[in-house]
């Protein structure tokens, strides 16, 4: 139950952002919201889609699609400056073997674009 409440809160925030943006730009209906969602964001995409459908009911975003772009995890080695994709949450530099890794992508949770009229 706690898990779904987390996604419900996020879905509500996404809808709030979309409606505020639509109103600020003179729109009247939202067709789709494109979201960038990192693999390390802590958000379950299927739960978020389910919650989005619920929180849009009765709003100017009712019937809108939530389109999720999954952002992979990337790291940068702090020893040799190598950038690489992180597989299976193994934060080890493939070049030098260092464990001193900075995460440079994969935590995103960002409304990228809103399709509206």
N, C-alpha and C. Protein backbone atom coordinates (compact mmCIF):
# COMPACT_ATOMS: atom_id res chain seq x y z
N UNK A 1 0.82 -1.20 0.00
CA UNK A 1 0.00 0.00 0.00
C UNK A 1 0.86 1.26 0.00
N UNK A 2 1.95 1.23 0.78
CA UNK A 2 2.85 2.39 0.82
C UNK A 2 3.43 2.66 -0.55
N UNK A 3 3.77 1.59 -1.26
CA UNK A 3 4.37 1.72 -2.59
C UNK A 3 3.44 2.47 -3.55
N UNK A 4 2.17 2.07 -3.58
CA UNK A 4 1.22 2.70 -4.50
C UNK A 4 0.97 4.16 -4.09
N UNK A 5 1.04 4.44 -2.80
CA UNK A 5 0.84 5.83 -2.35
C UNK A 5 1.99 6.72 -2.85
N UNK A 6 3.18 6.16 -2.93
CA UNK A 6 4.33 6.89 -3.44
C UNK A 6 4.08 7.29 -4.90
N UNK A 7 3.68 6.33 -5.72
CA UNK A 7 3.41 6.61 -7.12
C UNK A 7 2.19 7.52 -7.30
N UNK A 8 1.20 7.38 -6.42
CA UNK A 8 0.00 8.22 -6.49
C UNK A 8 0.39 9.68 -6.28
N UNK A 9 1.24 9.95 -5.32
CA UNK A 9 1.71 11.30 -5.04
C UNK A 9 2.49 11.86 -6.23
N UNK A 10 3.32 11.04 -6.82
CA UNK A 10 4.11 11.48 -7.98
C UNK A 10 3.18 11.74 -9.17
N UNK A 11 2.22 10.86 -9.39
CA UNK A 11 1.27 11.05 -10.49
C UNK A 11 0.50 12.36 -10.31
N UNK A 12 0.08 12.64 -9.08
CA UNK A 12 -0.64 13.88 -8.82
C UNK A 12 0.24 15.09 -9.11
N UNK A 13 1.49 15.02 -8.75
CA UNK A 13 2.43 16.13 -9.02
C UNK A 13 2.61 16.33 -10.52
N UNK A 14 2.70 15.24 -11.27
CA UNK A 14 2.85 15.33 -12.73
C UNK A 14 1.62 16.01 -13.33
N UNK A 15 0.44 15.62 -12.89
CA UNK A 15 -0.80 16.22 -13.40
C UNK A 15 -0.86 17.70 -13.02
N UNK A 16 -0.48 18.03 -11.79
CA UNK A 16 -0.47 19.44 -11.37
C UNK A 16 0.46 20.27 -12.25
N UNK A 17 1.65 19.75 -12.53
CA UNK A 17 2.61 20.45 -13.40
C UNK A 17 2.02 20.63 -14.79
N UNK A 18 1.42 19.56 -15.32
CA UNK A 18 0.86 19.62 -16.67
C UNK A 18 -0.26 20.65 -16.77
N UNK A 19 -1.16 20.65 -15.80
CA UNK A 19 -2.29 21.59 -15.82
C UNK A 19 -1.81 23.02 -15.64
N UNK A 20 -0.88 23.25 -14.73
CA UNK A 20 -0.34 24.59 -14.53
C UNK A 20 0.35 25.09 -15.80
N UNK A 21 1.09 24.21 -16.46
CA UNK A 21 1.78 24.59 -17.70
C UNK A 21 0.77 24.89 -18.80
N UNK A 22 -0.26 24.05 -18.90
CA UNK A 22 -1.30 24.27 -19.90
C UNK A 22 -1.99 25.61 -19.69
N UNK A 23 -2.38 25.89 -18.46
CA UNK A 23 -3.06 27.15 -18.15
C UNK A 23 -2.16 28.35 -18.41
N UNK A 24 -0.89 28.24 -18.09
CA UNK A 24 0.06 29.35 -18.30
C UNK A 24 0.28 29.62 -19.79
N UNK A 25 -0.02 28.63 -20.62
CA UNK A 25 0.20 28.78 -22.06
C UNK A 25 -1.11 28.86 -22.85
N UNK A 26 -2.22 29.11 -22.17
CA UNK A 26 -3.50 29.32 -22.83
C UNK A 26 -4.11 28.06 -23.43
N UNK A 27 -3.71 26.90 -22.96
CA UNK A 27 -4.28 25.65 -23.47
C UNK A 27 -5.58 25.32 -22.80
N UNK A 28 -6.25 24.28 -23.31
CA UNK A 28 -7.51 23.87 -22.71
C UNK A 28 -7.66 22.36 -22.53
N UNK A 29 -6.74 21.58 -23.11
CA UNK A 29 -6.79 20.13 -22.94
C UNK A 29 -5.38 19.54 -23.07
N UNK A 30 -5.10 18.53 -22.26
CA UNK A 30 -3.81 17.85 -22.30
C UNK A 30 -4.01 16.49 -22.96
N UNK A 31 -3.18 16.21 -23.98
CA UNK A 31 -3.27 14.94 -24.69
C UNK A 31 -2.26 13.91 -24.17
N UNK A 32 -1.07 14.38 -23.85
CA UNK A 32 -0.02 13.46 -23.39
C UNK A 32 1.02 14.23 -22.58
N UNK A 33 1.65 13.50 -21.67
CA UNK A 33 2.77 14.02 -20.89
C UNK A 33 3.92 13.06 -21.08
N UNK A 34 5.07 13.60 -21.49
CA UNK A 34 6.26 12.78 -21.67
C UNK A 34 7.13 12.96 -20.43
N UNK A 35 7.48 11.83 -19.82
CA UNK A 35 8.22 11.83 -18.57
C UNK A 35 9.55 11.11 -18.75
N UNK A 36 10.62 11.70 -18.25
CA UNK A 36 11.92 11.02 -18.21
C UNK A 36 12.04 10.39 -16.83
N UNK A 37 12.26 9.07 -16.81
CA UNK A 37 12.27 8.32 -15.56
C UNK A 37 13.52 7.46 -15.49
N UNK A 38 14.41 7.81 -14.58
CA UNK A 38 15.65 7.05 -14.42
C UNK A 38 15.43 5.72 -13.73
N UNK A 39 16.24 4.75 -14.09
CA UNK A 39 16.14 3.42 -13.49
C UNK A 39 16.36 3.43 -11.98
N UNK A 40 17.07 4.43 -11.47
CA UNK A 40 17.32 4.54 -10.03
C UNK A 40 16.39 5.55 -9.34
N UNK A 41 15.34 5.95 -10.01
CA UNK A 41 14.44 6.97 -9.45
C UNK A 41 13.61 6.45 -8.28
N UNK A 42 13.48 5.13 -8.17
CA UNK A 42 12.66 4.57 -7.11
C UNK A 42 11.18 4.55 -7.45
N UNK A 43 10.86 4.78 -8.74
CA UNK A 43 9.47 4.82 -9.18
C UNK A 43 9.19 3.60 -10.05
N UNK A 44 8.10 2.92 -9.75
CA UNK A 44 7.67 1.75 -10.53
C UNK A 44 6.79 2.24 -11.69
N UNK A 45 7.27 2.11 -12.94
CA UNK A 45 6.53 2.64 -14.09
C UNK A 45 5.08 2.14 -14.20
N UNK A 46 4.85 0.84 -14.01
CA UNK A 46 3.48 0.33 -14.14
C UNK A 46 2.55 0.92 -13.09
N UNK A 47 3.02 1.05 -11.88
CA UNK A 47 2.22 1.65 -10.81
C UNK A 47 1.95 3.12 -11.12
N UNK A 48 2.96 3.81 -11.65
CA UNK A 48 2.80 5.22 -11.99
C UNK A 48 1.75 5.39 -13.09
N UNK A 49 1.78 4.54 -14.10
CA UNK A 49 0.79 4.61 -15.18
C UNK A 49 -0.62 4.38 -14.63
N UNK A 50 -0.76 3.41 -13.76
CA UNK A 50 -2.05 3.12 -13.13
C UNK A 50 -2.55 4.33 -12.34
N UNK A 51 -1.68 4.91 -11.53
CA UNK A 51 -2.04 6.07 -10.71
C UNK A 51 -2.35 7.30 -11.56
N UNK A 52 -1.59 7.47 -12.64
CA UNK A 52 -1.83 8.61 -13.53
C UNK A 52 -3.25 8.56 -14.09
N UNK A 53 -3.70 7.40 -14.51
CA UNK A 53 -5.06 7.26 -15.03
C UNK A 53 -6.09 7.63 -13.97
N UNK A 54 -5.83 7.29 -12.73
CA UNK A 54 -6.77 7.60 -11.64
C UNK A 54 -6.81 9.10 -11.35
N UNK A 55 -5.65 9.73 -11.22
CA UNK A 55 -5.63 11.14 -10.80
C UNK A 55 -6.03 12.10 -11.92
N UNK A 56 -6.03 11.64 -13.17
CA UNK A 56 -6.46 12.53 -14.25
C UNK A 56 -7.97 12.57 -14.41
N UNK A 57 -8.68 11.61 -13.84
CA UNK A 57 -10.15 11.57 -13.96
C UNK A 57 -10.76 12.87 -13.42
N UNK A 58 -11.63 13.46 -14.23
CA UNK A 58 -12.31 14.69 -13.82
C UNK A 58 -11.47 15.95 -13.93
N UNK A 59 -10.28 15.84 -14.56
CA UNK A 59 -9.41 17.01 -14.74
C UNK A 59 -9.28 17.32 -16.23
N UNK A 60 -8.59 18.40 -16.52
CA UNK A 60 -8.34 18.76 -17.92
C UNK A 60 -7.33 17.81 -18.58
N UNK A 61 -6.79 16.89 -17.80
CA UNK A 61 -5.86 15.90 -18.33
C UNK A 61 -6.52 14.52 -18.48
N UNK A 62 -7.83 14.46 -18.25
CA UNK A 62 -8.52 13.16 -18.36
C UNK A 62 -8.34 12.60 -19.76
N UNK A 63 -7.96 11.34 -19.84
CA UNK A 63 -7.74 10.69 -21.12
C UNK A 63 -6.34 10.89 -21.68
N UNK A 64 -5.53 11.71 -21.02
CA UNK A 64 -4.17 11.95 -21.50
C UNK A 64 -3.33 10.70 -21.29
N UNK A 65 -2.33 10.53 -22.14
CA UNK A 65 -1.39 9.42 -22.02
C UNK A 65 -0.16 9.88 -21.27
N UNK A 66 0.36 9.02 -20.43
CA UNK A 66 1.65 9.25 -19.80
C UNK A 66 2.66 8.39 -20.54
N UNK A 67 3.59 9.05 -21.22
CA UNK A 67 4.60 8.36 -22.00
C UNK A 67 5.92 8.43 -21.24
N UNK A 68 6.45 7.27 -20.89
CA UNK A 68 7.64 7.20 -20.04
C UNK A 68 8.86 6.82 -20.86
N UNK A 69 9.87 7.69 -20.79
CA UNK A 69 11.18 7.40 -21.38
C UNK A 69 12.09 6.94 -20.24
N UNK A 70 12.55 5.71 -20.34
CA UNK A 70 13.42 5.17 -19.29
C UNK A 70 14.86 5.62 -19.53
N UNK A 71 15.45 6.23 -18.52
CA UNK A 71 16.82 6.72 -18.59
C UNK A 71 17.74 5.70 -17.91
N UNK A 72 18.73 5.19 -18.66
CA UNK A 72 19.62 4.19 -18.08
C UNK A 72 20.58 4.80 -17.05
N UNK A 73 21.18 3.92 -16.27
CA UNK A 73 22.15 4.36 -15.26
C UNK A 73 23.51 4.50 -15.94
N UNK A 74 24.12 5.66 -15.77
CA UNK A 74 25.47 5.90 -16.26
C UNK A 74 26.33 6.40 -15.11
N UNK A 75 27.58 6.01 -15.16
CA UNK A 75 28.51 6.43 -14.13
C UNK A 75 29.77 7.03 -14.72
N UNK A 76 30.49 7.75 -13.87
CA UNK A 76 31.80 8.31 -14.23
C UNK A 76 32.78 7.91 -13.14
N UNK A 77 33.88 7.33 -13.57
CA UNK A 77 34.92 6.92 -12.63
C UNK A 77 35.64 8.16 -12.11
N UNK A 78 35.74 8.26 -10.81
CA UNK A 78 36.41 9.41 -10.20
C UNK A 78 37.93 9.25 -10.21
N UNK A 79 38.41 8.06 -10.57
CA UNK A 79 39.85 7.84 -10.66
C UNK A 79 40.38 8.08 -12.08
N UNK A 80 39.70 7.54 -13.10
CA UNK A 80 40.23 7.67 -14.47
C UNK A 80 39.33 8.48 -15.39
N UNK A 81 38.20 8.97 -14.90
CA UNK A 81 37.27 9.83 -15.63
C UNK A 81 36.53 9.11 -16.76
N UNK A 82 36.55 7.80 -16.78
CA UNK A 82 35.83 7.01 -17.78
C UNK A 82 34.32 7.07 -17.51
N UNK A 83 33.51 7.35 -18.55
CA UNK A 83 32.07 7.28 -18.44
C UNK A 83 31.60 5.94 -19.00
N UNK A 84 30.60 5.34 -18.35
CA UNK A 84 30.15 4.02 -18.77
C UNK A 84 28.72 3.75 -18.29
N UNK A 85 28.06 2.82 -18.97
CA UNK A 85 26.75 2.37 -18.56
C UNK A 85 26.89 1.39 -17.41
N UNK A 86 26.06 1.55 -16.40
CA UNK A 86 26.08 0.66 -15.24
C UNK A 86 25.10 -0.48 -15.50
N UNK A 87 25.59 -1.70 -15.45
CA UNK A 87 24.77 -2.88 -15.66
C UNK A 87 24.57 -3.60 -14.33
N UNK A 88 23.35 -4.03 -14.07
CA UNK A 88 23.02 -4.80 -12.87
C UNK A 88 23.47 -4.11 -11.57
N UNK A 89 23.44 -2.80 -11.57
CA UNK A 89 23.81 -2.00 -10.39
C UNK A 89 25.24 -2.28 -9.91
N UNK A 90 26.12 -2.65 -10.83
CA UNK A 90 27.53 -2.88 -10.49
C UNK A 90 28.31 -1.60 -10.80
N UNK A 91 28.59 -0.85 -9.76
CA UNK A 91 29.28 0.43 -9.89
C UNK A 91 30.79 0.21 -9.81
N UNK A 92 31.33 -0.38 -10.89
CA UNK A 92 32.75 -0.67 -10.99
C UNK A 92 33.21 -0.18 -12.36
N UNK A 93 34.27 0.60 -12.39
CA UNK A 93 34.79 1.12 -13.65
C UNK A 93 35.30 -0.04 -14.53
N UNK A 94 34.81 -0.12 -15.77
CA UNK A 94 35.27 -1.19 -16.65
C UNK A 94 36.69 -0.97 -17.16
N UNK A 95 37.19 0.26 -17.02
CA UNK A 95 38.53 0.58 -17.51
C UNK A 95 39.61 0.29 -16.46
N UNK A 96 39.38 0.78 -15.22
CA UNK A 96 40.43 0.66 -14.20
C UNK A 96 40.04 -0.18 -12.99
N UNK A 97 38.76 -0.58 -12.91
CA UNK A 97 38.31 -1.40 -11.79
C UNK A 97 37.98 -0.64 -10.52
N UNK A 98 38.03 0.66 -10.56
CA UNK A 98 37.75 1.48 -9.38
C UNK A 98 36.28 1.36 -8.95
N UNK A 99 36.06 1.52 -7.65
CA UNK A 99 34.71 1.56 -7.10
C UNK A 99 34.29 2.99 -6.76
N UNK A 100 35.13 3.96 -7.06
CA UNK A 100 34.83 5.37 -6.81
C UNK A 100 34.09 5.92 -8.03
N UNK A 101 32.77 5.75 -8.01
CA UNK A 101 31.94 6.06 -9.17
C UNK A 101 30.92 7.14 -8.81
N UNK A 102 30.79 8.09 -9.70
CA UNK A 102 29.76 9.12 -9.56
C UNK A 102 28.62 8.76 -10.52
N UNK A 103 27.40 8.75 -10.03
CA UNK A 103 26.25 8.50 -10.89
C UNK A 103 25.94 9.78 -11.67
N UNK A 104 25.92 9.68 -13.00
CA UNK A 104 25.66 10.88 -13.82
C UNK A 104 24.31 10.83 -14.52
N UNK A 105 23.66 9.69 -14.54
CA UNK A 105 22.27 9.62 -15.01
C UNK A 105 21.64 8.36 -14.46
N UNK A 106 20.31 8.39 -14.43
CA UNK A 106 19.56 7.25 -13.94
C UNK A 106 18.67 7.57 -12.75
N UNK A 107 18.75 8.81 -12.27
CA UNK A 107 17.90 9.23 -11.13
C UNK A 107 16.81 10.21 -11.56
N UNK A 108 16.68 10.44 -12.85
CA UNK A 108 15.76 11.45 -13.36
C UNK A 108 14.30 11.12 -13.02
N UNK A 109 13.55 12.16 -12.77
CA UNK A 109 12.09 12.11 -12.65
C UNK A 109 11.64 13.50 -13.09
N UNK A 110 11.43 13.64 -14.40
CA UNK A 110 11.26 14.97 -14.98
C UNK A 110 10.18 14.96 -16.07
N UNK A 111 9.27 15.91 -15.98
CA UNK A 111 8.32 16.12 -17.07
C UNK A 111 9.11 16.78 -18.20
N UNK A 112 9.22 16.07 -19.32
CA UNK A 112 10.03 16.57 -20.44
C UNK A 112 9.19 17.46 -21.37
N UNK A 113 8.04 16.97 -21.78
CA UNK A 113 7.16 17.75 -22.66
C UNK A 113 5.70 17.44 -22.35
N UNK A 114 4.85 18.36 -22.77
CA UNK A 114 3.41 18.20 -22.59
C UNK A 114 2.75 18.49 -23.92
N UNK A 115 1.97 17.54 -24.41
CA UNK A 115 1.23 17.69 -25.67
C UNK A 115 -0.16 18.20 -25.31
N UNK A 116 -0.48 19.42 -25.75
CA UNK A 116 -1.76 20.04 -25.38
C UNK A 116 -2.29 20.92 -26.49
N UNK A 117 -3.54 21.23 -26.40
CA UNK A 117 -4.20 22.20 -27.29
C UNK A 117 -4.81 23.28 -26.43
